[in-house]
Amino acid sequence: VRAGVLEEDYDFESHKELVPMQPGDVPVTYADTS
């Protein structure tokens, strides 16, 4: 919205859908970079 890609009043809530996991995906990934 800030960059002007979407309008200021874009109705974000009506454009998102929460769905189950995809095959091959994992729920959490993060790195120990020590």
PDB file of all heavy atoms in Angstrom:
ATOM      1  N   VAL A   1       0.844  -1.191   0.000  1.00  0.00           N
ATOM      2  CA  VAL A   1       0.000   0.000   0.000  1.00  0.00           C
ATOM      3  C   VAL A   1       0.883   1.246   0.000  1.00  0.00           C
ATOM      4  O   VAL A   1       0.661   2.189  -0.774  1.00  0.00           O
ATOM      5  CB  VAL A   1      -0.950  -0.005   1.224  1.00  0.00           C
ATOM      6  CG1 VAL A   1      -1.633   1.358   1.375  1.00  0.00           C
ATOM      7  CG2 VAL A   1      -1.994  -1.108   1.080  1.00  0.00           C
ATOM      8  N   ARG A   2       1.904   1.237   0.826  1.00  0.00           N
ATOM      9  CA  ARG A   2       2.804   2.394   0.923  1.00  0.00           C
ATOM     10  C   ARG A   2       3.483   2.694  -0.409  1.00  0.00           C
ATOM     11  O   ARG A   2       3.634   3.862  -0.795  1.00  0.00           O
ATOM     12  CB  ARG A   2       3.867   2.136   2.001  1.00  0.00           C
ATOM     13  CG  ARG A   2       4.829   3.283   2.206  1.00  0.00           C
ATOM     14  CD  ARG A   2       5.936   2.920   3.192  1.00  0.00           C
ATOM     15  NE  ARG A   2       6.916   3.990   3.254  1.00  0.00           N
ATOM     16  CZ  ARG A   2       7.910   4.155   2.375  1.00  0.00           C
ATOM     17  NH1 ARG A   2       8.055   3.306   1.380  1.00  0.00           N
ATOM     18  NH2 ARG A   2       8.758   5.171   2.499  1.00  0.00           N
ATOM     19  N   ALA A   3       3.874   1.636  -1.127  1.00  0.00           N
ATOM     20  CA  ALA A   3       4.585   1.813  -2.403  1.00  0.00           C
ATOM     21  C   ALA A   3       3.641   2.144  -3.556  1.00  0.00           C
ATOM     22  O   ALA A   3       4.095   2.493  -4.645  1.00  0.00           O
ATOM     23  CB  ALA A   3       5.388   0.552  -2.734  1.00  0.00           C
ATOM     24  N   GLY A   4       2.325   2.013  -3.310  1.00  0.00           N
ATOM     25  CA  GLY A   4       1.371   2.305  -4.383  1.00  0.00           C
ATOM     26  C   GLY A   4       1.066   1.115  -5.271  1.00  0.00           C
ATOM     27  O   GLY A   4       0.470   1.270  -6.341  1.00  0.00           O
ATOM     28  N   VAL A   5       1.485  -0.080  -4.836  1.00  0.00           N
ATOM     29  CA  VAL A   5       1.145  -1.288  -5.600  1.00  0.00           C
ATOM     30  C   VAL A   5      -0.333  -1.636  -5.364  1.00  0.00           C
ATOM     31  O   VAL A   5      -1.051  -2.041  -6.276  1.00  0.00           O
ATOM     32  CB  VAL A   5       2.048  -2.476  -5.192  1.00  0.00           C
ATOM     33  CG1 VAL A   5       1.630  -3.757  -5.909  1.00  0.00           C
ATOM     34  CG2 VAL A   5       3.514  -2.158  -5.493  1.00  0.00           C
ATOM     35  N   LEU A   6      -0.810  -1.453  -4.136  1.00  0.00           N
ATOM     36  CA  LEU A   6      -2.221  -1.641  -3.778  1.00  0.00           C
ATOM     37  C   LEU A   6      -2.817  -0.305  -3.348  1.00  0.00           C
ATOM     38  O   LEU A   6      -2.108   0.576  -2.852  1.00  0.00           O
ATOM     39  CB  LEU A   6      -2.359  -2.654  -2.635  1.00  0.00           C
ATOM     40  CG  LEU A   6      -1.801  -4.065  -2.870  1.00  0.00           C
ATOM     41  CD1 LEU A   6      -1.993  -4.914  -1.614  1.00  0.00           C
ATOM     42  CD2 LEU A   6      -2.468  -4.732  -4.071  1.00  0.00           C
ATOM     43  N   GLU A   7      -4.144  -0.188  -3.520  1.00  0.00           N
ATOM     44  CA  GLU A   7      -4.818   1.055  -3.135  1.00  0.00           C
ATOM     45  C   GLU A   7      -4.855   1.189  -1.608  1.00  0.00           C
ATOM     46  O   GLU A   7      -4.806   0.203  -0.889  1.00  0.00           O
ATOM     47  CB  GLU A   7      -6.256   1.071  -3.670  1.00  0.00           C
ATOM     48  CG  GLU A   7      -6.400   0.794  -5.155  1.00  0.00           C
ATOM     49  CD  GLU A   7      -6.440  -0.695  -5.475  1.00  0.00           C
ATOM     50  OE1 GLU A   7      -6.942  -1.484  -4.649  1.00  0.00           O
ATOM     51  OE2 GLU A   7      -5.923  -1.074  -6.545  1.00  0.00           O
ATOM     52  N   GLU A   8      -4.994   2.419  -1.154  1.00  0.00           N
ATOM     53  CA  GLU A   8      -5.035   2.715   0.286  1.00  0.00           C
ATOM     54  C   GLU A   8      -6.132   1.927   1.014  1.00  0.00           C
ATOM     55  O   GLU A   8      -5.953   1.468   2.128  1.00  0.00           O
ATOM     56  CB  GLU A   8      -5.282   4.215   0.509  1.00  0.00           C
ATOM     57  CG  GLU A   8      -4.076   5.100   0.237  1.00  0.00           C
ATOM     58  CD  GLU A   8      -3.046   5.080   1.380  1.00  0.00           C
ATOM     59  OE1 GLU A   8      -3.388   4.576   2.464  1.00  0.00           O
ATOM     60  OE2 GLU A   8      -1.914   5.553   1.163  1.00  0.00           O
ATOM     61  N   ASP A   9      -7.298   1.776   0.345  1.00  0.00           N
ATOM     62  CA  ASP A   9      -8.440   1.139   1.018  1.00  0.00           C
ATOM     63  C   ASP A   9      -8.601  -0.327   0.612  1.00  0.00           C
ATOM     64  O   ASP A   9      -9.703  -0.872   0.648  1.00  0.00           O
ATOM     65  CB  ASP A   9      -9.727   1.914   0.706  1.00  0.00           C
ATOM     66  CG  ASP A   9     -10.004   1.971  -0.806  1.00  0.00           C
ATOM     67  OD1 ASP A   9      -9.102   1.572  -1.601  1.00  0.00           O
ATOM     68  OD2 ASP A   9     -11.104   2.402  -1.191  1.00  0.00           O
ATOM     69  N   TYR A  10      -7.499  -0.970   0.213  1.00  0.00           N
ATOM     70  CA  TYR A  10      -7.567  -2.370  -0.248  1.00  0.00           C
ATOM     71  C   TYR A  10      -8.160  -3.258   0.856  1.00  0.00           C
ATOM     72  O   TYR A  10      -7.708  -3.210   2.013  1.00  0.00           O
ATOM     73  CB  TYR A  10      -6.172  -2.868  -0.629  1.00  0.00           C
ATOM     74  CG  TYR A  10      -6.173  -4.193  -1.369  1.00  0.00           C
ATOM     75  CD1 TYR A  10      -6.274  -4.234  -2.753  1.00  0.00           C
ATOM     76  CD2 TYR A  10      -6.082  -5.396  -0.681  1.00  0.00           C
ATOM     77  CE1 TYR A  10      -6.275  -5.431  -3.443  1.00  0.00           C
ATOM     78  CE2 TYR A  10      -6.088  -6.607  -1.361  1.00  0.00           C
ATOM     79  CZ  TYR A  10      -6.181  -6.614  -2.738  1.00  0.00           C
ATOM     80  OH  TYR A  10      -6.192  -7.810  -3.422  1.00  0.00           O
ATOM     81  N   ASP A  11      -9.174  -4.051   0.488  1.00  0.00           N
ATOM     82  CA  ASP A  11      -9.833  -4.936   1.456  1.00  0.00           C
ATOM     83  C   ASP A  11      -9.041  -6.243   1.565  1.00  0.00           C
ATOM     84  O   ASP A  11      -9.333  -7.231   0.901  1.00  0.00           O
ATOM     85  CB  ASP A  11     -11.276  -5.218   1.010  1.00  0.00           C
ATOM     86  CG  ASP A  11     -12.018  -6.098   2.016  1.00  0.00           C
ATOM     87  OD1 ASP A  11     -11.432  -6.405   3.082  1.00  0.00           O
ATOM     88  OD2 ASP A  11     -13.155  -6.494   1.728  1.00  0.00           O
ATOM     89  N   PHE A  12      -8.033  -6.189   2.411  1.00  0.00           N
ATOM     90  CA  PHE A  12      -7.114  -7.325   2.511  1.00  0.00           C
ATOM     91  C   PHE A  12      -7.783  -8.570   3.082  1.00  0.00           C
ATOM     92  O   PHE A  12      -7.550  -9.685   2.619  1.00  0.00           O
ATOM     93  CB  PHE A  12      -5.916  -6.906   3.370  1.00  0.00           C
ATOM     94  CG  PHE A  12      -4.868  -7.965   3.489  1.00  0.00           C
ATOM     95  CD1 PHE A  12      -4.170  -8.412   2.385  1.00  0.00           C
ATOM     96  CD2 PHE A  12      -4.579  -8.530   4.724  1.00  0.00           C
ATOM     97  CE1 PHE A  12      -3.204  -9.381   2.491  1.00  0.00           C
ATOM     98  CE2 PHE A  12      -3.610  -9.519   4.840  1.00  0.00           C
ATOM     99  CZ  PHE A  12      -2.924  -9.947   3.721  1.00  0.00           C
ATOM    100  N   GLU A  13      -8.653  -8.387   4.095  1.00  0.00           N
ATOM    101  CA  GLU A  13      -9.251  -9.536   4.782  1.00  0.00           C
ATOM    102  C   GLU A  13     -10.039 -10.429   3.832  1.00  0.00           C
ATOM    103  O   GLU A  13     -10.052 -11.648   3.979  1.00  0.00           O
ATOM    104  CB  GLU A  13     -10.165  -9.063   5.920  1.00  0.00           C
ATOM    105  CG  GLU A  13      -9.415  -8.500   7.118  1.00  0.00           C
ATOM    106  CD  GLU A  13      -8.429  -9.499   7.707  1.00  0.00           C
ATOM    107  OE1 GLU A  13      -8.805 -10.669   7.900  1.00  0.00           O
ATOM    108  OE2 GLU A  13      -7.264  -9.117   7.953  1.00  0.00           O
ATOM    109  N   SER A  14     -10.702  -9.835   2.850  1.00  0.00           N
ATOM    110  CA  SER A  14     -11.520 -10.640   1.930  1.00  0.00           C
ATOM    111  C   SER A  14     -10.680 -11.332   0.859  1.00  0.00           C
ATOM    112  O   SER A  14     -11.207 -12.093   0.050  1.00  0.00           O
ATOM    113  CB  SER A  14     -12.584  -9.762   1.266  1.00  0.00           C
ATOM    114  OG  SER A  14     -11.975  -8.839   0.376  1.00  0.00           O
ATOM    115  N   HIS A  15      -9.372 -11.057   0.839  1.00  0.00           N
ATOM    116  CA  HIS A  15      -8.494 -11.660  -0.179  1.00  0.00           C
ATOM    117  C   HIS A  15      -7.502 -12.655   0.404  1.00  0.00           C
ATOM    118  O   HIS A  15      -6.515 -13.000  -0.241  1.00  0.00           O
ATOM    119  CB  HIS A  15      -7.738 -10.572  -0.948  1.00  0.00           C
ATOM    120  CG  HIS A  15      -8.611  -9.773  -1.858  1.00  0.00           C
ATOM    121  ND1 HIS A  15      -9.226  -8.607  -1.456  1.00  0.00           N
ATOM    122  CD2 HIS A  15      -8.998  -9.979  -3.148  1.00  0.00           C
ATOM    123  CE1 HIS A  15      -9.939  -8.122  -2.459  1.00  0.00           C
ATOM    124  NE2 HIS A  15      -9.827  -8.929  -3.495  1.00  0.00           N
ATOM    125  N   LYS A  16      -7.743 -13.078   1.640  1.00  0.00           N
ATOM    126  CA  LYS A  16      -6.848 -14.097   2.196  1.00  0.00           C
ATOM    127  C   LYS A  16      -7.656 -15.283   2.713  1.00  0.00           C
ATOM    128  O   LYS A  16      -8.770 -15.128   3.208  1.00  0.00           O
ATOM    129  CB  LYS A  16      -5.946 -13.517   3.292  1.00  0.00           C
ATOM    130  CG  LYS A  16      -6.614 -13.220   4.608  1.00  0.00           C
ATOM    131  CD  LYS A  16      -5.577 -12.710   5.615  1.00  0.00           C
ATOM    132  CE  LYS A  16      -6.233 -12.472   6.970  1.00  0.00           C
ATOM    133  NZ  LYS A  16      -5.357 -11.828   7.927  1.00  0.00           N
ATOM    134  N   GLU A  17      -7.066 -16.462   2.566  1.00  0.00           N
ATOM    135  CA  GLU A  17      -7.719 -17.710   2.968  1.00  0.00           C
ATOM    136  C   GLU A  17      -6.695 -18.559   3.727  1.00  0.00           C
ATOM    137  O   GLU A  17      -5.601 -18.814   3.222  1.00  0.00           O
ATOM    138  CB  GLU A  17      -8.214 -18.460   1.726  1.00  0.00           C
ATOM    139  CG  GLU A  17      -8.894 -19.782   2.024  1.00  0.00           C
ATOM    140  CD  GLU A  17      -9.200 -20.578   0.759  1.00  0.00           C
ATOM    141  OE1 GLU A  17      -8.839 -20.122  -0.348  1.00  0.00           O
ATOM    142  OE2 GLU A  17      -9.773 -21.671   0.898  1.00  0.00           O
ATOM    143  N   LEU A  18      -7.046 -18.971   4.929  1.00  0.00           N
ATOM    144  CA  LEU A  18      -6.159 -19.815   5.725  1.00  0.00           C
ATOM    145  C   LEU A  18      -6.433 -21.276   5.376  1.00  0.00           C
ATOM    146  O   LEU A  18      -7.566 -21.741   5.454  1.00  0.00           O
ATOM    147  CB  LEU A  18      -6.382 -19.568   7.218  1.00  0.00           C
ATOM    148  CG  LEU A  18      -6.227 -18.114   7.684  1.00  0.00           C
ATOM    149  CD1 LEU A  18      -6.444 -17.998   9.188  1.00  0.00           C
ATOM    150  CD2 LEU A  18      -4.853 -17.566   7.314  1.00  0.00           C
ATOM    151  N   VAL A  19      -5.389 -21.994   4.954  1.00  0.00           N
ATOM    152  CA  VAL A  19      -5.558 -23.378   4.461  1.00  0.00           C
ATOM    153  C   VAL A  19      -4.541 -24.305   5.140  1.00  0.00           C
ATOM    154  O   VAL A  19      -3.570 -23.846   5.737  1.00  0.00           O
ATOM    155  CB  VAL A  19      -5.385 -23.446   2.922  1.00  0.00           C
ATOM    156  CG1 VAL A  19      -6.444 -22.619   2.213  1.00  0.00           C
ATOM    157  CG2 VAL A  19      -3.986 -22.982   2.513  1.00  0.00           C
ATOM    158  N   PRO A  20      -4.769 -25.652   5.035  1.00  0.00           N
ATOM    159  CA  PRO A  20      -3.839 -26.601   5.670  1.00  0.00           C
ATOM    160  C   PRO A  20      -2.474 -26.604   4.994  1.00  0.00           C
ATOM    161  O   PRO A  20      -2.246 -25.975   3.964  1.00  0.00           O
ATOM    162  CB  PRO A  20      -4.532 -27.964   5.500  1.00  0.00           C
ATOM    163  CG  PRO A  20      -5.912 -27.675   5.039  1.00  0.00           C
ATOM    164  CD  PRO A  20      -5.897 -26.338   4.400  1.00  0.00           C
ATOM    165  N   MET A  21      -1.575 -27.378   5.569  1.00  0.00           N
ATOM    166  CA  MET A  21      -0.208 -27.539   5.083  1.00  0.00           C
ATOM    167  C   MET A  21      -0.167 -28.154   3.688  1.00  0.00           C
ATOM    168  O   MET A  21      -1.009 -28.961   3.346  1.00  0.00           O
ATOM    169  CB  MET A  21       0.479 -28.492   6.050  1.00  0.00           C
ATOM    170  CG  MET A  21       1.891 -28.235   6.356  1.00  0.00           C
ATOM    171  SD  MET A  21       2.341 -26.591   6.728  1.00  0.00           S
ATOM    172  CE  MET A  21       3.961 -26.978   7.204  1.00  0.00           C
ATOM    173  N   GLN A  22       0.845 -27.794   2.899  1.00  0.00           N
ATOM    174  CA  GLN A  22       1.093 -28.393   1.580  1.00  0.00           C
ATOM    175  C   GLN A  22       1.991 -29.609   1.721  1.00  0.00           C
ATOM    176  O   GLN A  22       2.898 -29.604   2.567  1.00  0.00           O
ATOM    177  CB  GLN A  22       1.821 -27.385   0.690  1.00  0.00           C
ATOM    178  CG  GLN A  22       0.960 -26.301   0.125  1.00  0.00           C
ATOM    179  CD  GLN A  22       0.503 -26.661  -1.264  1.00  0.00           C
ATOM    180  OE1 GLN A  22      -0.607 -27.092  -1.475  1.00  0.00           O
ATOM    181  NE2 GLN A  22       1.372 -26.491  -2.220  1.00  0.00           N
ATOM    182  N   PRO A  23       1.829 -30.646   0.865  1.00  0.00           N
ATOM    183  CA  PRO A  23       2.786 -31.762   0.892  1.00  0.00           C
ATOM    184  C   PRO A  23       4.207 -31.254   0.630  1.00  0.00           C
ATOM    185  O   PRO A  23       4.412 -30.419  -0.244  1.00  0.00           O
ATOM    186  CB  PRO A  23       2.318 -32.663  -0.265  1.00  0.00           C
ATOM    187  CG  PRO A  23       0.916 -32.248  -0.553  1.00  0.00           C
ATOM    188  CD  PRO A  23       0.802 -30.813  -0.162  1.00  0.00           C
ATOM    189  N   GLY A  24       5.162 -31.757   1.399  1.00  0.00           N
ATOM    190  CA  GLY A  24       6.559 -31.368   1.193  1.00  0.00           C
ATOM    191  C   GLY A  24       6.986 -30.142   1.973  1.00  0.00           C
ATOM    192  O   GLY A  24       8.165 -29.825   2.032  1.00  0.00           O
ATOM    193  N   ASP A  25       6.020 -29.429   2.574  1.00  0.00           N
ATOM    194  CA  ASP A  25       6.363 -28.243   3.358  1.00  0.00           C
ATOM    195  C   ASP A  25       6.554 -28.605   4.832  1.00  0.00           C
ATOM    196  O   ASP A  25       6.060 -29.620   5.299  1.00  0.00           O
ATOM    197  CB  ASP A  25       5.259 -27.192   3.239  1.00  0.00           C
ATOM    198  CG  ASP A  25       5.547 -26.189   2.128  1.00  0.00           C
ATOM    199  OD1 ASP A  25       6.598 -26.328   1.488  1.00  0.00           O
ATOM    200  OD2 ASP A  25       4.728 -25.292   1.910  1.00  0.00           O
ATOM    201  N   VAL A  26       7.250 -27.755   5.547  1.00  0.00           N
ATOM    202  CA  VAL A  26       7.455 -27.958   6.985  1.00  0.00           C
ATOM    203  C   VAL A  26       6.983 -26.701   7.720  1.00  0.00           C
ATOM    204  O   VAL A  26       7.061 -25.604   7.185  1.00  0.00           O
ATOM    205  CB  VAL A  26       8.939 -28.252   7.313  1.00  0.00           C
ATOM    206  CG1 VAL A  26       9.327 -29.637   6.813  1.00  0.00           C
ATOM    207  CG2 VAL A  26       9.867 -27.218   6.710  1.00  0.00           C
ATOM    208  N   PRO A  27       6.464 -26.854   8.961  1.00  0.00           N
ATOM    209  CA  PRO A  27       5.842 -25.715   9.637  1.00  0.00           C
ATOM    210  C   PRO A  27       6.815 -24.627  10.087  1.00  0.00           C
ATOM    211  O   PRO A  27       6.512 -23.447  10.012  1.00  0.00           O
ATOM    212  CB  PRO A  27       5.132 -26.340  10.838  1.00  0.00           C
ATOM    213  CG  PRO A  27       5.701 -27.704  10.996  1.00  0.00           C
ATOM    214  CD  PRO A  27       6.255 -28.116   9.673  1.00  0.00           C
ATOM    215  N   VAL A  28       7.997 -25.024  10.553  1.00  0.00           N
ATOM    216  CA  VAL A  28       8.944 -24.025  11.084  1.00  0.00           C
ATOM    217  C   VAL A  28      10.333 -24.295  10.515  1.00  0.00           C
ATOM    218  O   VAL A  28      10.821 -25.424  10.560  1.00  0.00           O
ATOM    219  CB  VAL A  28       9.027 -24.091  12.629  1.00  0.00           C
ATOM    220  CG1 VAL A  28      10.019 -23.053  13.150  1.00  0.00           C
ATOM    221  CG2 VAL A  28       7.663 -23.887  13.262  1.00  0.00           C
ATOM    222  N   THR A  29      10.945 -23.274   9.925  1.00  0.00           N
ATOM    223  CA  THR A  29      12.360 -23.399   9.547  1.00  0.00           C
ATOM    224  C   THR A  29      13.078 -22.130   9.991  1.00  0.00           C
ATOM    225  O   THR A  29      12.664 -21.033   9.641  1.00  0.00           O
ATOM    226  CB  THR A  29      12.567 -23.556   8.023  1.00  0.00           C
ATOM    227  OG1 THR A  29      12.156 -22.364   7.352  1.00  0.00           O
ATOM    228  CG2 THR A  29      11.774 -24.724   7.470  1.00  0.00           C
ATOM    229  N   TYR A  30      14.106 -22.328  10.813  1.00  0.00           N
ATOM    230  CA  TYR A  30      14.995 -21.187  11.020  1.00  0.00           C
ATOM    231  C   TYR A  30      16.380 -21.674  11.423  1.00  0.00           C
ATOM    232  O   TYR A  30      16.551 -22.806  11.871  1.00  0.00           O
ATOM    233  CB  TYR A  30      14.410 -20.156  11.972  1.00  0.00           C
ATOM    234  CG  TYR A  30      14.571 -20.334  13.457  1.00  0.00           C
ATOM    235  CD1 TYR A  30      15.538 -19.621  14.172  1.00  0.00           C
ATOM    236  CD2 TYR A  30      13.705 -21.161  14.170  1.00  0.00           C
ATOM    237  CE1 TYR A  30      15.644 -19.726  15.545  1.00  0.00           C
ATOM    238  CE2 TYR A  30      13.797 -21.271  15.554  1.00  0.00           C
ATOM    239  CZ  TYR A  30      14.783 -20.554  16.237  1.00  0.00           C
ATOM    240  OH  TYR A  30      14.873 -20.668  17.590  1.00  0.00           O
ATOM    241  N   ALA A  31      17.336 -20.790  11.209  1.00  0.00           N
ATOM    242  CA  ALA A  31      18.733 -21.192  11.204  1.00  0.00           C
ATOM    243  C   ALA A  31      19.443 -20.855  12.503  1.00  0.00           C
ATOM    244  O   ALA A  31      19.287 -19.762  13.041  1.00  0.00           O
ATOM    245  CB  ALA A  31      19.457 -20.496  10.047  1.00  0.00           C
ATOM    246  N   ASP A  32      20.251 -21.794  12.978  1.00  0.00           N
ATOM    247  CA  ASP A  32      21.281 -21.483  13.965  1.00  0.00           C
ATOM    248  C   ASP A  32      22.501 -21.025  13.161  1.00  0.00           C
ATOM    249  O   ASP A  32      23.149 -21.826  12.486  1.00  0.00           O
ATOM    250  CB  ASP A  32      21.607 -22.726  14.794  1.00  0.00           C
ATOM    251  CG  ASP A  32      22.768 -22.504  15.764  1.00  0.00           C
ATOM    252  OD1 ASP A  32      23.387 -21.417  15.714  1.00  0.00           O
ATOM    253  OD2 ASP A  32      23.069 -23.420  16.543  1.00  0.00           O
ATOM    254  N   THR A  33      22.777 -19.730  13.193  1.00  0.00           N
ATOM    255  CA  THR A  33      23.866 -19.174  12.372  1.00  0.00           C
ATOM    256  C   THR A  33      25.092 -18.834  13.215  1.00  0.00           C
ATOM    257  O   THR A  33      25.959 -18.074  12.786  1.00  0.00           O
ATOM    258  CB  THR A  33      23.386 -17.907  11.638  1.00  0.00           C
ATOM    259  OG1 THR A  33      22.901 -16.960  12.607  1.00  0.00           O
ATOM    260  CG2 THR A  33      22.263 -18.223  10.661  1.00  0.00           C
ATOM    261  N   SER A  34      25.167 -19.424  14.418  1.00  0.00           N
ATOM    262  CA  SER A  34      26.264 -19.060  15.329  1.00  0.00           C
ATOM    263  C   SER A  34      27.637 -19.396  14.737  1.00  0.00           C
ATOM    264  O   SER A  34      28.604 -18.665  14.962  1.00  0.00           O
ATOM    265  CB  SER A  34      26.081 -19.750  16.685  1.00  0.00           C
ATOM    266  OG  SER A  34      25.950 -21.153  16.528  1.00  0.00           O
TER     267      SER A  34
END
